[in-house]
Amino acid sequence: MYAIFQSGGKQYQAEPGTVIRLEKLPGEVGGEITLNQVIFVGDGEQVQVGYPLLEDVSVRGRIVEQGRHRKIIVFKHKRRKDYRKKQGHRQYYTAVLIQSIEKGIEAPSQADS
């Protein structure tokens, strides 16, 4: 079983037992986290697609690391103008160990009552 969810403006594919580096999320190392902006769930032949999100599905995980990515160099220049600017940037991330993909029980519709 796998799920596609969104976090920090990006989409990620998650399977139980994998570690995913997400944009920085609040929380301590070892803390539990629930990601409920799930777009797609696939389980063999069965698939569920949200429009835009699935309401009864969530991805549960545990924070294993809070850190920063490798440094990237940002270099700007304008030719023949003697303008050069060099900067470095390290983006913060949260590494999450995916523990489970949980499907909740659908709420009864209003048409049944």
Protein backbone atom coordinates (compact mmCIF):
# COMPACT_ATOMS: atom_id res chain seq x y z
CA MET A 1 0.00 0.00 0.00
CA TYR A 2 1.24 3.50 -0.76
CA ALA A 3 -0.11 7.02 -0.57
CA ILE A 4 0.64 10.37 -2.17
CA PHE A 5 0.25 13.33 0.18
CA GLN A 6 1.19 16.97 0.16
CA SER A 7 3.20 18.89 2.73
CA GLY A 8 4.96 22.22 2.42
CA GLY A 9 3.61 22.82 -1.08
CA LYS A 10 5.15 19.61 -2.43
CA GLN A 11 3.83 16.12 -3.05
CA TYR A 12 5.47 12.98 -1.67
CA GLN A 13 4.93 9.25 -2.14
CA ALA A 14 4.88 7.30 1.13
CA GLU A 15 5.05 3.60 1.95
CA PRO A 16 5.18 2.18 5.49
CA GLY A 17 8.77 1.79 6.66
CA THR A 18 10.32 4.51 4.49
CA VAL A 19 11.94 7.76 5.66
CA ILE A 20 10.93 10.95 3.85
CA ARG A 21 12.53 14.40 4.21
CA LEU A 22 9.78 17.02 4.33
CA GLU A 23 9.94 20.78 4.63
CA LYS A 24 10.43 21.76 8.27
CA LEU A 25 7.52 20.79 10.52
CA PRO A 26 7.11 21.65 14.21
CA GLY A 27 7.80 18.82 16.63
CA GLU A 28 10.50 17.06 18.61
CA VAL A 29 12.56 14.07 17.52
CA GLY A 30 10.62 10.93 18.46
CA GLY A 31 7.27 12.71 18.32
CA GLU A 32 4.29 11.37 16.40
CA ILE A 33 2.92 13.26 13.40
CA THR A 34 -0.23 12.84 11.33
CA LEU A 35 -0.34 14.04 7.73
CA ASN A 36 -3.91 14.22 6.52
CA GLN A 37 -3.65 16.01 3.18
CA VAL A 38 -3.71 12.72 1.25
CA ILE A 39 -4.36 12.94 -2.49
CA PHE A 40 -4.10 9.32 -3.62
CA VAL A 41 -4.02 5.84 -2.06
CA GLY A 42 -3.07 2.70 -3.97
CA ASP A 43 -3.42 -0.84 -2.65
CA GLY A 44 -2.77 -3.37 -5.37
CA GLU A 45 -5.66 -3.15 -7.82
CA GLN A 46 -7.71 -0.75 -5.68
CA VAL A 47 -7.04 2.99 -5.87
CA GLN A 48 -8.67 6.00 -4.27
CA VAL A 49 -8.26 9.44 -5.77
CA GLY A 50 -9.23 12.57 -3.86
CA TYR A 51 -10.95 15.52 -5.41
CA PRO A 52 -8.87 17.38 -4.25
CA LEU A 53 -8.18 15.46 -0.98
CA LEU A 54 -9.26 12.19 0.59
CA GLU A 55 -11.11 12.97 3.79
CA ASP A 56 -10.99 9.60 5.56
CA VAL A 57 -7.29 8.75 5.00
CA SER A 58 -4.21 9.86 6.93
CA VAL A 59 -0.50 9.04 6.96
CA ARG A 60 1.01 8.50 10.41
CA GLY A 61 4.72 8.77 11.11
CA ARG A 62 7.42 9.47 13.67
CA ILE A 63 9.94 12.33 13.48
CA VAL A 64 13.44 10.84 13.34
CA GLU A 65 15.50 13.95 12.57
CA GLN A 66 15.33 17.74 12.41
CA GLY A 67 18.19 19.07 10.30
CA ARG A 68 19.44 21.09 7.36
CA HIS A 69 20.24 20.05 3.79
CA ARG A 70 23.63 20.51 2.15
CA LYS A 71 24.62 24.05 1.27
CA ILE A 72 23.81 25.34 -2.19
CA ILE A 73 25.62 28.32 -3.71
CA VAL A 74 23.61 31.18 -5.18
CA PHE A 75 25.80 33.28 -7.48
CA LYS A 76 24.46 36.37 -9.25
CA HIS A 77 26.35 38.55 -11.68
CA LYS A 78 25.78 41.09 -14.42
CA ARG A 79 28.21 41.04 -17.27
CA ARG A 80 30.36 44.09 -17.86
CA LYS A 81 28.90 45.88 -14.81
CA ASP A 82 31.34 44.65 -12.12
CA TYR A 83 28.45 43.19 -10.11
CA ARG A 84 28.89 39.86 -8.36
CA LYS A 85 27.04 38.45 -5.37
CA LYS A 86 27.69 35.06 -3.81
CA GLN A 87 25.38 33.58 -1.18
CA GLY A 88 24.92 30.20 0.42
CA HIS A 89 21.65 28.63 1.59
CA ARG A 90 20.81 25.59 3.73
CA GLN A 91 17.15 24.58 3.83
CA TYR A 92 15.68 23.13 7.03
CA TYR A 93 13.98 19.72 6.85
CA THR A 94 12.17 17.18 9.00
CA ALA A 95 12.85 13.49 8.40
CA VAL A 96 9.74 11.38 9.05
CA LEU A 97 9.60 7.58 9.30
CA ILE A 98 6.26 6.51 7.79
CA GLN A 99 4.60 4.01 10.13
CA SER A 100 1.16 3.46 8.62
CA ILE A 101 -1.45 4.61 6.15
CA GLU A 102 -4.79 4.60 7.90
CA LYS A 103 -8.19 4.53 6.27
CA GLY A 104 -10.92 5.83 8.56
CA ILE A 105 -14.57 4.94 8.64
CA GLU A 106 -16.68 7.03 6.32
CA ALA A 107 -19.31 9.18 7.99
CA PRO A 108 -22.90 8.26 7.08
CA SER A 109 -24.36 10.46 4.40
CA GLN A 110 -27.30 12.78 5.03
CA ALA A 111 -29.42 10.96 2.41
CA ASP A 112 -29.66 7.79 4.58
CA SER A 113 -31.54 9.48 7.43
